[in-house]
Amino acid sequence: MNENHAVLCASAEWGDHLRTDVLTPLLDGVDLGAQMIEIGPGPGAATEWLRHRVSRLVAVDADARAVATLADRYAGTNVEPIATDATDLPFPDGTFDSAATFTMLHHVPTADAQQRLLEEVVRVLRPHGLLVGADSLASNELREFHREDTYNPVEPGRLLRWLHRLGCRPITITVDDHLTFLARTALT
């Protein structure tokens, strides 16, 4: 992660933006169930908001330092940070009621890895589990912001095709200032 990201993602302003402009409008009134997995929490900008809406929140990140920071921050709470690769999750099928991925898919270096990550997330969701997320849309400004960092924005139509192929129904994808999505896994 480049310095731009390190500063922005850990800032109070970014956390406020996620809560006010993304999480609350996307998830207001949505039941997330008892157990949720959050993929790529980074410094935890969404984690704090999510943890108050579930009994158990497993926060998975490939960055061991980010996980250590989250472990210290959330010691003794319902948050369980785990350092692992989200394209190969160490959980049995159907473990979680819901899954979240906020502003991290564009950091996955290839479309194949993004697709594999979504396959794994859907695998660990229970039947009719909920996948929720948001990400940025491609822009020259964001490409510049991500200089010397991974920047691989997900095209909304591709995301829809992936989720559809994984058996998710219904799927809601909204393209506005950013990309948001909600999808349910199959009943069986």
N, C-alpha and C. Protein backbone atom coordinates (compact mmCIF):
# COMPACT_ATOMS: atom_id res chain seq x y z
N MET A 1 0.86 -1.17 0.00
CA MET A 1 0.00 0.00 0.00
C MET A 1 0.90 1.23 0.00
N ASN A 2 0.60 2.17 -0.89
CA ASN A 2 1.42 3.37 -0.94
C ASN A 2 1.07 4.33 0.21
N GLU A 3 1.88 5.37 0.35
CA GLU A 3 1.70 6.32 1.46
C GLU A 3 0.35 7.02 1.41
N ASN A 4 -0.14 7.34 0.20
CA ASN A 4 -1.47 7.96 0.07
C ASN A 4 -2.52 7.12 0.78
N HIS A 5 -2.48 5.82 0.52
CA HIS A 5 -3.45 4.91 1.12
C HIS A 5 -3.28 4.78 2.62
N ALA A 6 -2.04 4.62 3.03
CA ALA A 6 -1.77 4.42 4.45
C ALA A 6 -2.36 5.57 5.27
N VAL A 7 -2.19 6.78 4.78
CA VAL A 7 -2.69 7.95 5.50
C VAL A 7 -4.21 8.04 5.40
N LEU A 8 -4.74 7.94 4.19
CA LEU A 8 -6.18 8.10 4.00
C LEU A 8 -6.98 7.02 4.72
N CYS A 9 -6.63 5.76 4.52
CA CYS A 9 -7.45 4.66 5.06
C CYS A 9 -7.46 4.61 6.57
N ALA A 10 -6.45 5.16 7.21
CA ALA A 10 -6.40 5.17 8.67
C ALA A 10 -6.99 6.46 9.26
N SER A 11 -7.44 7.36 8.41
CA SER A 11 -7.91 8.66 8.92
C SER A 11 -9.34 8.60 9.43
N ALA A 12 -9.63 9.48 10.37
CA ALA A 12 -10.99 9.60 10.90
C ALA A 12 -11.95 10.04 9.80
N GLU A 13 -11.47 10.87 8.88
CA GLU A 13 -12.32 11.35 7.79
C GLU A 13 -12.77 10.19 6.90
N TRP A 14 -11.85 9.25 6.62
CA TRP A 14 -12.21 8.09 5.79
C TRP A 14 -13.23 7.22 6.52
N GLY A 15 -13.01 7.01 7.80
CA GLY A 15 -13.96 6.23 8.59
C GLY A 15 -15.33 6.87 8.60
N ASP A 16 -15.37 8.18 8.77
CA ASP A 16 -16.65 8.91 8.74
C ASP A 16 -17.32 8.77 7.38
N HIS A 17 -16.54 8.89 6.30
CA HIS A 17 -17.08 8.74 4.95
C HIS A 17 -17.70 7.36 4.77
N LEU A 18 -16.97 6.32 5.17
CA LEU A 18 -17.50 4.96 5.02
C LEU A 18 -18.81 4.79 5.79
N ARG A 19 -18.82 5.24 7.04
CA ARG A 19 -20.04 5.09 7.86
C ARG A 19 -21.20 5.88 7.29
N THR A 20 -20.96 7.14 6.95
CA THR A 20 -22.04 8.05 6.54
C THR A 20 -22.49 7.85 5.11
N ASP A 21 -21.53 7.69 4.19
CA ASP A 21 -21.86 7.68 2.77
C ASP A 21 -21.98 6.28 2.16
N VAL A 22 -21.46 5.27 2.84
CA VAL A 22 -21.48 3.92 2.27
C VAL A 22 -22.26 2.94 3.15
N LEU A 23 -21.78 2.71 4.35
CA LEU A 23 -22.36 1.67 5.20
C LEU A 23 -23.81 1.95 5.59
N THR A 24 -24.07 3.12 6.10
CA THR A 24 -25.43 3.42 6.57
C THR A 24 -26.45 3.37 5.43
N PRO A 25 -26.22 4.02 4.29
CA PRO A 25 -27.22 3.92 3.22
C PRO A 25 -27.36 2.51 2.65
N LEU A 26 -26.25 1.77 2.57
CA LEU A 26 -26.29 0.44 1.98
C LEU A 26 -26.95 -0.58 2.91
N LEU A 27 -26.69 -0.46 4.21
CA LEU A 27 -27.09 -1.52 5.12
C LEU A 27 -28.14 -1.12 6.15
N ASP A 28 -28.68 0.07 6.06
CA ASP A 28 -29.71 0.49 7.00
C ASP A 28 -30.90 -0.47 6.94
N GLY A 29 -31.21 -1.11 8.04
CA GLY A 29 -32.33 -2.03 8.11
C GLY A 29 -32.04 -3.42 7.59
N VAL A 30 -30.81 -3.70 7.17
CA VAL A 30 -30.44 -5.02 6.64
C VAL A 30 -29.96 -5.90 7.79
N ASP A 31 -30.51 -7.10 7.91
CA ASP A 31 -30.09 -8.07 8.93
C ASP A 31 -28.84 -8.79 8.43
N LEU A 32 -27.74 -8.63 9.15
CA LEU A 32 -26.47 -9.25 8.76
C LEU A 32 -26.27 -10.61 9.41
N GLY A 33 -27.24 -11.06 10.22
CA GLY A 33 -27.12 -12.34 10.90
C GLY A 33 -26.21 -12.24 12.11
N ALA A 34 -25.82 -13.38 12.64
CA ALA A 34 -25.00 -13.42 13.85
C ALA A 34 -23.51 -13.42 13.55
N GLN A 35 -23.10 -14.12 12.48
CA GLN A 35 -21.68 -14.26 12.19
C GLN A 35 -21.34 -13.70 10.82
N MET A 36 -20.36 -12.79 10.81
CA MET A 36 -19.96 -12.13 9.57
C MET A 36 -18.46 -12.27 9.38
N ILE A 37 -18.05 -12.33 8.12
CA ILE A 37 -16.64 -12.27 7.76
C ILE A 37 -16.43 -10.98 6.97
N GLU A 38 -15.42 -10.22 7.36
CA GLU A 38 -15.05 -9.01 6.63
C GLU A 38 -13.73 -9.29 5.93
N ILE A 39 -13.71 -9.11 4.64
CA ILE A 39 -12.52 -9.37 3.83
C ILE A 39 -11.79 -8.05 3.59
N GLY A 40 -10.50 -8.03 3.93
CA GLY A 40 -9.67 -6.86 3.68
C GLY A 40 -10.01 -5.65 4.51
N PRO A 41 -10.09 -5.76 5.83
CA PRO A 41 -10.46 -4.60 6.64
C PRO A 41 -9.38 -3.53 6.71
N GLY A 42 -8.13 -3.88 6.38
CA GLY A 42 -7.05 -2.89 6.49
C GLY A 42 -7.01 -2.35 7.90
N PRO A 43 -7.04 -1.03 8.06
CA PRO A 43 -6.98 -0.45 9.40
C PRO A 43 -8.32 -0.50 10.16
N GLY A 44 -9.36 -1.05 9.56
CA GLY A 44 -10.61 -1.25 10.29
C GLY A 44 -11.63 -0.14 10.17
N ALA A 45 -11.59 0.62 9.09
CA ALA A 45 -12.53 1.74 8.94
C ALA A 45 -13.98 1.29 8.96
N ALA A 46 -14.28 0.12 8.41
CA ALA A 46 -15.66 -0.40 8.43
C ALA A 46 -15.89 -1.34 9.61
N THR A 47 -14.83 -1.90 10.14
CA THR A 47 -14.92 -2.92 11.19
C THR A 47 -15.69 -2.42 12.40
N GLU A 48 -15.39 -1.23 12.84
CA GLU A 48 -16.05 -0.69 14.04
C GLU A 48 -17.56 -0.62 13.85
N TRP A 49 -18.01 -0.17 12.70
CA TRP A 49 -19.45 -0.07 12.41
C TRP A 49 -20.06 -1.46 12.32
N LEU A 50 -19.40 -2.37 11.63
CA LEU A 50 -19.94 -3.71 11.41
C LEU A 50 -20.05 -4.51 12.72
N ARG A 51 -19.07 -4.38 13.59
CA ARG A 51 -19.03 -5.22 14.79
C ARG A 51 -20.20 -5.00 15.72
N HIS A 52 -20.85 -3.86 15.62
CA HIS A 52 -22.01 -3.57 16.46
C HIS A 52 -23.30 -4.14 15.87
N ARG A 53 -23.21 -4.78 14.73
CA ARG A 53 -24.40 -5.31 14.05
C ARG A 53 -24.41 -6.83 13.94
N VAL A 54 -23.38 -7.48 14.51
CA VAL A 54 -23.29 -8.94 14.50
C VAL A 54 -22.76 -9.41 15.86
N SER A 55 -22.94 -10.68 16.14
CA SER A 55 -22.40 -11.25 17.38
C SER A 55 -20.92 -11.56 17.26
N ARG A 56 -20.50 -12.01 16.05
CA ARG A 56 -19.10 -12.37 15.80
C ARG A 56 -18.69 -11.81 14.45
N LEU A 57 -17.55 -11.12 14.44
CA LEU A 57 -17.01 -10.57 13.19
C LEU A 57 -15.58 -11.08 13.02
N VAL A 58 -15.38 -11.89 11.99
CA VAL A 58 -14.05 -12.37 11.65
C VAL A 58 -13.49 -11.43 10.57
N ALA A 59 -12.38 -10.79 10.88
CA ALA A 59 -11.76 -9.81 9.97
C ALA A 59 -10.52 -10.43 9.36
N VAL A 60 -10.58 -10.74 8.06
CA VAL A 60 -9.51 -11.44 7.35
C VAL A 60 -8.73 -10.45 6.49
N ASP A 61 -7.42 -10.44 6.68
CA ASP A 61 -6.57 -9.57 5.86
C ASP A 61 -5.26 -10.31 5.60
N ALA A 62 -4.70 -10.12 4.42
CA ALA A 62 -3.43 -10.75 4.06
C ALA A 62 -2.25 -10.05 4.72
N ASP A 63 -2.44 -8.82 5.16
CA ASP A 63 -1.38 -8.02 5.76
C ASP A 63 -1.30 -8.33 7.26
N ALA A 64 -0.26 -9.06 7.66
CA ALA A 64 -0.12 -9.48 9.06
C ALA A 64 0.00 -8.29 10.01
N ARG A 65 0.62 -7.19 9.55
CA ARG A 65 0.73 -6.01 10.43
C ARG A 65 -0.64 -5.38 10.67
N ALA A 66 -1.47 -5.31 9.63
CA ALA A 66 -2.82 -4.78 9.80
C ALA A 66 -3.61 -5.65 10.76
N VAL A 67 -3.46 -6.96 10.64
CA VAL A 67 -4.17 -7.89 11.52
C VAL A 67 -3.70 -7.72 12.97
N ALA A 68 -2.40 -7.56 13.17
CA ALA A 68 -1.88 -7.36 14.53
C ALA A 68 -2.44 -6.08 15.14
N THR A 69 -2.52 -5.03 14.35
CA THR A 69 -3.09 -3.77 14.84
C THR A 69 -4.55 -3.95 15.21
N LEU A 70 -5.31 -4.64 14.36
CA LEU A 70 -6.72 -4.91 14.67
C LEU A 70 -6.86 -5.79 15.91
N ALA A 71 -5.98 -6.77 16.06
CA ALA A 71 -6.03 -7.65 17.23
C ALA A 71 -5.83 -6.85 18.51
N ASP A 72 -4.90 -5.92 18.50
CA ASP A 72 -4.69 -5.06 19.67
C ASP A 72 -5.91 -4.17 19.92
N ARG A 73 -6.39 -3.55 18.86
CA ARG A 73 -7.51 -2.61 18.97
C ARG A 73 -8.78 -3.30 19.47
N TYR A 74 -9.03 -4.52 19.01
CA TYR A 74 -10.29 -5.19 19.33
C TYR A 74 -10.14 -6.35 20.30
N ALA A 75 -9.06 -6.39 21.05
CA ALA A 75 -8.87 -7.45 22.05
C ALA A 75 -10.05 -7.45 23.02
N GLY A 76 -10.58 -8.64 23.29
CA GLY A 76 -11.69 -8.76 24.23
C GLY A 76 -13.04 -8.39 23.69
N THR A 77 -13.14 -8.17 22.37
CA THR A 77 -14.43 -7.83 21.75
C THR A 77 -14.90 -9.00 20.90
N ASN A 78 -15.91 -8.76 20.11
CA ASN A 78 -16.45 -9.79 19.22
C ASN A 78 -15.74 -9.85 17.88
N VAL A 79 -14.63 -9.12 17.72
CA VAL A 79 -13.86 -9.10 16.48
C VAL A 79 -12.69 -10.08 16.59
N GLU A 80 -12.56 -10.94 15.59
CA GLU A 80 -11.50 -11.93 15.53
C GLU A 80 -10.67 -11.71 14.27
N PRO A 81 -9.58 -10.95 14.37
CA PRO A 81 -8.73 -10.72 13.19
C PRO A 81 -7.89 -11.95 12.86
N ILE A 82 -7.80 -12.27 11.57
CA ILE A 82 -7.04 -13.43 11.10
C ILE A 82 -6.23 -13.02 9.88
N ALA A 83 -4.94 -13.36 9.90
CA ALA A 83 -4.06 -13.09 8.75
C ALA A 83 -4.11 -14.31 7.83
N THR A 84 -4.71 -14.12 6.67
CA THR A 84 -4.78 -15.21 5.69
C THR A 84 -5.12 -14.63 4.32
N ASP A 85 -4.91 -15.43 3.31
CA ASP A 85 -5.23 -15.07 1.94
C ASP A 85 -6.72 -15.35 1.69
N ALA A 86 -7.46 -14.35 1.32
CA ALA A 86 -8.91 -14.51 1.12
C ALA A 86 -9.27 -15.34 -0.11
N THR A 87 -8.28 -15.67 -0.94
CA THR A 87 -8.58 -16.55 -2.07
C THR A 87 -8.50 -18.02 -1.66
N ASP A 88 -8.17 -18.27 -0.39
CA ASP A 88 -8.09 -19.64 0.14
C ASP A 88 -8.43 -19.58 1.63
N LEU A 89 -9.70 -19.34 1.93
CA LEU A 89 -10.14 -19.14 3.32
C LEU A 89 -10.12 -20.44 4.12
N PRO A 90 -9.67 -20.39 5.37
CA PRO A 90 -9.54 -21.59 6.20
C PRO A 90 -10.81 -21.92 7.00
N PHE A 91 -11.96 -21.78 6.37
CA PHE A 91 -13.23 -22.03 7.05
C PHE A 91 -14.04 -23.05 6.25
N PRO A 92 -14.83 -23.87 6.96
CA PRO A 92 -15.69 -24.81 6.25
C PRO A 92 -16.78 -24.10 5.45
N ASP A 93 -17.33 -24.79 4.49
CA ASP A 93 -18.46 -24.27 3.72
C ASP A 93 -19.57 -23.86 4.69
N GLY A 94 -20.24 -22.76 4.37
CA GLY A 94 -21.42 -22.36 5.13
C GLY A 94 -21.17 -21.89 6.55
N THR A 95 -20.03 -21.31 6.84
CA THR A 95 -19.70 -20.87 8.19
C THR A 95 -20.40 -19.58 8.59
N PHE A 96 -20.56 -18.65 7.66
CA PHE A 96 -21.00 -17.29 8.01
C PHE A 96 -22.37 -16.94 7.44
N ASP A 97 -23.07 -16.06 8.16
CA ASP A 97 -24.36 -15.54 7.71
C ASP A 97 -24.19 -14.45 6.67
N SER A 98 -23.09 -13.69 6.80
CA SER A 98 -22.87 -12.57 5.89
C SER A 98 -21.38 -12.34 5.70
N ALA A 99 -21.07 -11.63 4.63
CA ALA A 99 -19.69 -11.28 4.31
C ALA A 99 -19.67 -9.86 3.79
N ALA A 100 -18.57 -9.16 4.07
CA ALA A 100 -18.43 -7.77 3.64
C ALA A 100 -17.06 -7.54 3.04
N THR A 101 -17.02 -6.71 2.04
CA THR A 101 -15.77 -6.27 1.44
C THR A 101 -15.93 -4.81 1.04
N PHE A 102 -15.22 -3.95 1.74
CA PHE A 102 -15.37 -2.51 1.50
C PHE A 102 -14.05 -1.91 1.05
N THR A 103 -14.09 -1.34 -0.15
CA THR A 103 -12.99 -0.62 -0.78
C THR A 103 -11.67 -1.39 -0.78
N MET A 104 -11.77 -2.69 -1.07
CA MET A 104 -10.53 -3.46 -1.15
C MET A 104 -10.40 -4.29 -2.42
N LEU A 105 -11.49 -4.56 -3.12
CA LEU A 105 -11.40 -5.41 -4.31
C LEU A 105 -10.43 -4.84 -5.35
N HIS A 106 -10.35 -3.53 -5.45
CA HIS A 106 -9.43 -2.93 -6.44
C HIS A 106 -7.96 -3.13 -6.06
N HIS A 107 -7.69 -3.65 -4.86
CA HIS A 107 -6.32 -3.96 -4.46
C HIS A 107 -5.93 -5.40 -4.80
N VAL A 108 -6.86 -6.18 -5.30
CA VAL A 108 -6.57 -7.55 -5.71
C VAL A 108 -5.99 -7.45 -7.13
N PRO A 109 -4.79 -7.99 -7.35
CA PRO A 109 -4.03 -7.65 -8.55
C PRO A 109 -4.58 -8.11 -9.89
N THR A 110 -5.36 -9.20 -9.93
CA THR A 110 -5.84 -9.69 -11.21
C THR A 110 -7.34 -9.99 -11.14
N ALA A 111 -7.96 -10.01 -12.30
CA ALA A 111 -9.38 -10.38 -12.37
C ALA A 111 -9.57 -11.82 -11.90
N ASP A 112 -8.64 -12.72 -12.24
CA ASP A 112 -8.75 -14.10 -11.80
C ASP A 112 -8.73 -14.20 -10.27
N ALA A 113 -7.85 -13.44 -9.63
CA ALA A 113 -7.78 -13.45 -8.17
C ALA A 113 -9.04 -12.83 -7.55
N GLN A 114 -9.56 -11.78 -8.16
CA GLN A 114 -10.81 -11.19 -7.68
C GLN A 114 -11.94 -12.21 -7.75
N GLN A 115 -12.01 -12.92 -8.86
CA GLN A 115 -13.06 -13.93 -9.02
C GLN A 115 -12.87 -15.06 -8.00
N ARG A 116 -11.65 -15.50 -7.79
CA ARG A 116 -11.38 -16.56 -6.81
C ARG A 116 -11.76 -16.10 -5.40
N LEU A 117 -11.47 -14.86 -5.07
CA LEU A 117 -11.84 -14.31 -3.78
C LEU A 117 -13.36 -14.37 -3.59
N LEU A 118 -14.10 -13.94 -4.60
CA LEU A 118 -15.56 -13.99 -4.51
C LEU A 118 -16.07 -15.43 -4.41
N GLU A 119 -15.45 -16.35 -5.13
CA GLU A 119 -15.83 -17.76 -5.02
C GLU A 119 -15.65 -18.27 -3.59
N GLU A 120 -14.54 -17.92 -2.98
CA GLU A 120 -14.27 -18.34 -1.60
C GLU A 120 -15.27 -17.72 -0.63
N VAL A 121 -15.55 -16.45 -0.82
CA VAL A 121 -16.51 -15.78 0.08
C VAL A 121 -17.88 -16.43 -0.04
N VAL A 122 -18.33 -16.69 -1.24
CA VAL A 122 -19.63 -17.34 -1.43
C VAL A 122 -19.60 -18.75 -0.83
N ARG A 123 -18.50 -19.46 -0.96
CA ARG A 123 -18.37 -20.80 -0.40
C ARG A 123 -18.57 -20.82 1.12
N VAL A 124 -18.01 -19.82 1.82
CA VAL A 124 -18.09 -19.83 3.29
C VAL A 124 -19.39 -19.22 3.81
N LEU A 125 -20.25 -18.74 2.91
CA LEU A 125 -21.55 -18.22 3.34
C LEU A 125 -22.57 -19.35 3.42
N ARG A 126 -23.46 -19.23 4.39
CA ARG A 126 -24.55 -20.20 4.52
C ARG A 126 -25.54 -20.01 3.37
N PRO A 127 -26.40 -21.01 3.12
CA PRO A 127 -27.44 -20.81 2.11
C PRO A 127 -28.25 -19.54 2.42
N HIS A 128 -28.49 -18.76 1.41
CA HIS A 128 -29.18 -17.48 1.49
C HIS A 128 -28.40 -16.45 2.32
N GLY A 129 -27.07 -16.67 2.37
CA GLY A 129 -26.20 -15.72 3.06
C GLY A 129 -26.08 -14.43 2.26
N LEU A 130 -25.67 -13.38 2.93
CA LEU A 130 -25.62 -12.05 2.31
C LEU A 130 -24.18 -11.61 2.09
N LEU A 131 -23.87 -11.22 0.87
CA LEU A 131 -22.59 -10.62 0.52
C LEU A 131 -22.84 -9.14 0.25
N VAL A 132 -22.12 -8.28 0.97
CA VAL A 132 -22.28 -6.84 0.80
C VAL A 132 -20.92 -6.21 0.54
N GLY A 133 -20.91 -5.14 -0.23
CA GLY A 133 -19.64 -4.49 -0.47
C GLY A 133 -19.76 -3.18 -1.19
N ALA A 134 -18.62 -2.54 -1.26
CA ALA A 134 -18.50 -1.28 -2.00
C ALA A 134 -17.07 -1.17 -2.49
N ASP A 135 -16.91 -0.49 -3.59
CA ASP A 135 -15.58 -0.25 -4.12
C ASP A 135 -15.61 1.00 -4.98
N SER A 136 -14.43 1.47 -5.32
CA SER A 136 -14.36 2.65 -6.16
C SER A 136 -14.53 2.25 -7.63
N LEU A 137 -14.91 3.21 -8.42
CA LEU A 137 -15.02 3.03 -9.86
C LEU A 137 -13.74 3.52 -10.52
N ALA A 138 -13.42 2.98 -11.65
CA ALA A 138 -12.20 3.37 -12.36
C ALA A 138 -12.21 4.85 -12.70
N SER A 139 -11.06 5.49 -12.46
CA SER A 139 -10.90 6.89 -12.85
C SER A 139 -9.40 7.20 -12.94
N ASN A 140 -9.07 8.18 -13.74
CA ASN A 140 -7.68 8.60 -13.85
C ASN A 140 -7.17 9.15 -12.52
N GLU A 141 -8.04 9.87 -11.80
CA GLU A 141 -7.65 10.43 -10.51
C GLU A 141 -7.27 9.32 -9.52
N LEU A 142 -8.07 8.26 -9.47
CA LEU A 142 -7.74 7.15 -8.57
C LEU A 142 -6.53 6.36 -9.05
N ARG A 143 -6.37 6.25 -10.35
CA ARG A 143 -5.17 5.58 -10.87
C ARG A 143 -3.92 6.33 -10.40
N GLU A 144 -3.97 7.65 -10.46
CA GLU A 144 -2.84 8.46 -9.99
C GLU A 144 -2.65 8.32 -8.48
N PHE A 145 -3.76 8.31 -7.73
CA PHE A 145 -3.70 8.15 -6.28
C PHE A 145 -3.04 6.82 -5.91
N HIS A 146 -3.25 5.79 -6.73
CA HIS A 146 -2.71 4.45 -6.47
C HIS A 146 -1.33 4.22 -7.10
N ARG A 147 -0.67 5.27 -7.52
CA ARG A 147 0.66 5.12 -8.12
C ARG A 147 1.55 4.30 -7.21
N GLU A 148 2.25 3.33 -7.79
CA GLU A 148 3.13 2.41 -7.07
C GLU A 148 2.36 1.54 -6.08
N ASP A 149 1.12 1.27 -6.40
CA ASP A 149 0.24 0.43 -5.58
C ASP A 149 -0.62 -0.38 -6.55
N THR A 150 -1.25 -1.41 -6.08
CA THR A 150 -2.15 -2.19 -6.93
C THR A 150 -3.43 -1.40 -7.14
N TYR A 151 -3.83 -1.28 -8.40
CA TYR A 151 -5.08 -0.61 -8.74
C TYR A 151 -5.73 -1.38 -9.88
N ASN A 152 -6.72 -2.18 -9.53
CA ASN A 152 -7.40 -3.03 -10.50
C ASN A 152 -8.91 -2.94 -10.24
N PRO A 153 -9.54 -1.82 -10.63
CA PRO A 153 -10.96 -1.64 -10.32
C PRO A 153 -11.83 -2.70 -11.00
N VAL A 154 -12.87 -3.10 -10.29
CA VAL A 154 -13.80 -4.11 -10.80
C VAL A 154 -14.85 -3.41 -11.64
N GLU A 155 -15.01 -3.86 -12.86
CA GLU A 155 -16.04 -3.33 -13.75
C GLU A 155 -17.39 -3.87 -13.27
N PRO A 156 -18.40 -3.02 -13.06
CA PRO A 156 -19.69 -3.46 -12.51
C PRO A 156 -20.34 -4.62 -13.27
N GLY A 157 -20.28 -4.61 -14.59
CA GLY A 157 -20.86 -5.70 -15.37
C GLY A 157 -20.15 -7.02 -15.12
N ARG A 158 -18.84 -6.98 -14.96
CA ARG A 158 -18.07 -8.19 -14.66
C ARG A 158 -18.46 -8.72 -13.28
N LEU A 159 -18.60 -7.83 -12.30
CA LEU A 159 -19.02 -8.24 -10.96
C LEU A 159 -20.38 -8.92 -11.01
N LEU A 160 -21.30 -8.35 -11.76
CA LEU A 160 -22.63 -8.95 -11.91
C LEU A 160 -22.53 -10.35 -12.51
N ARG A 161 -21.74 -10.51 -13.56
CA ARG A 161 -21.58 -11.84 -14.18
C ARG A 161 -20.98 -12.85 -13.22
N TRP A 162 -19.95 -12.44 -12.47
CA TRP A 162 -19.33 -13.34 -11.50
C TRP A 162 -20.33 -13.80 -10.45
N LEU A 163 -21.04 -12.85 -9.86
CA LEU A 163 -21.99 -13.20 -8.80
C LEU A 163 -23.13 -14.07 -9.33
N HIS A 164 -23.58 -13.77 -10.54
CA HIS A 164 -24.64 -14.56 -11.16
C HIS A 164 -24.16 -16.00 -11.38
N ARG A 165 -22.94 -16.15 -11.92
CA ARG A 165 -22.37 -17.47 -12.15
C ARG A 165 -22.19 -18.27 -10.85
N LEU A 166 -21.98 -17.56 -9.75
CA LEU A 166 -21.82 -18.21 -8.45
C LEU A 166 -23.16 -18.58 -7.82
N GLY A 167 -24.25 -18.30 -8.52
CA GLY A 167 -25.57 -18.68 -8.04
C GLY A 167 -26.24 -17.68 -7.13
N CYS A 168 -25.70 -16.50 -7.04
CA CYS A 168 -26.30 -15.48 -6.17
C CYS A 168 -27.58 -14.94 -6.81
N ARG A 169 -28.63 -14.81 -6.01
CA ARG A 169 -29.91 -14.23 -6.42
C ARG A 169 -30.65 -13.76 -5.19
N PRO A 170 -31.18 -12.61 -5.10
CA PRO A 170 -31.02 -11.53 -6.05
C PRO A 170 -29.67 -10.85 -5.89
N ILE A 171 -29.33 -10.07 -6.89
CA ILE A 171 -28.09 -9.28 -6.89
C ILE A 171 -28.50 -7.84 -7.15
N THR A 172 -28.04 -6.95 -6.29
CA THR A 172 -28.28 -5.52 -6.51
C THR A 172 -26.92 -4.84 -6.62
N ILE A 173 -26.67 -4.21 -7.74
CA ILE A 173 -25.44 -3.45 -7.95
C ILE A 173 -25.85 -2.02 -8.26
N THR A 174 -25.28 -1.10 -7.52
CA THR A 174 -25.57 0.32 -7.72
C THR A 174 -24.29 1.03 -8.13
N VAL A 175 -24.38 1.79 -9.20
CA VAL A 175 -23.25 2.59 -9.67
C VAL A 175 -23.65 4.05 -9.52
N ASP A 176 -22.95 4.73 -8.64
CA ASP A 176 -23.20 6.14 -8.36
C ASP A 176 -21.83 6.80 -8.25
N ASP A 177 -21.54 7.45 -7.15
CA ASP A 177 -20.19 7.97 -6.94
C ASP A 177 -19.19 6.83 -6.73
N HIS A 178 -19.70 5.68 -6.34
CA HIS A 178 -18.91 4.48 -6.15
C HIS A 178 -19.80 3.28 -6.49
N LEU A 179 -19.24 2.12 -6.41
CA LEU A 179 -19.95 0.87 -6.70
C LEU A 179 -20.36 0.23 -5.38
N THR A 180 -21.63 -0.12 -5.23
CA THR A 180 -22.07 -0.89 -4.06
C THR A 180 -22.82 -2.12 -4.56
N PHE A 181 -22.81 -3.16 -3.72
CA PHE A 181 -23.51 -4.38 -4.12
C PHE A 181 -24.01 -5.16 -2.90
N LEU A 182 -25.13 -5.84 -3.12
CA LEU A 182 -25.71 -6.79 -2.18
C LEU A 182 -26.10 -8.00 -2.98
N ALA A 183 -25.80 -9.18 -2.48
CA ALA A 183 -26.16 -10.41 -3.20
C ALA A 183 -26.42 -11.50 -2.16
N ARG A 184 -27.40 -12.35 -2.47
CA ARG A 184 -27.73 -13.50 -1.62
C ARG A 184 -27.22 -14.76 -2.29
N THR A 185 -26.66 -15.65 -1.47
CA THR A 185 -26.24 -16.95 -2.01
C THR A 185 -27.46 -17.82 -2.23
N ALA A 186 -27.28 -18.90 -2.98
CA ALA A 186 -28.39 -19.81 -3.28
C ALA A 186 -28.93 -20.43 -2.00
N LEU A 187 -30.18 -20.87 -2.05
CA LEU A 187 -30.83 -21.48 -0.89
C LEU A 187 -30.26 -22.86 -0.57
N THR A 188 -29.68 -23.53 -1.55
CA THR A 188 -29.13 -24.87 -1.29
C THR A 188 -27.67 -24.95 -1.66
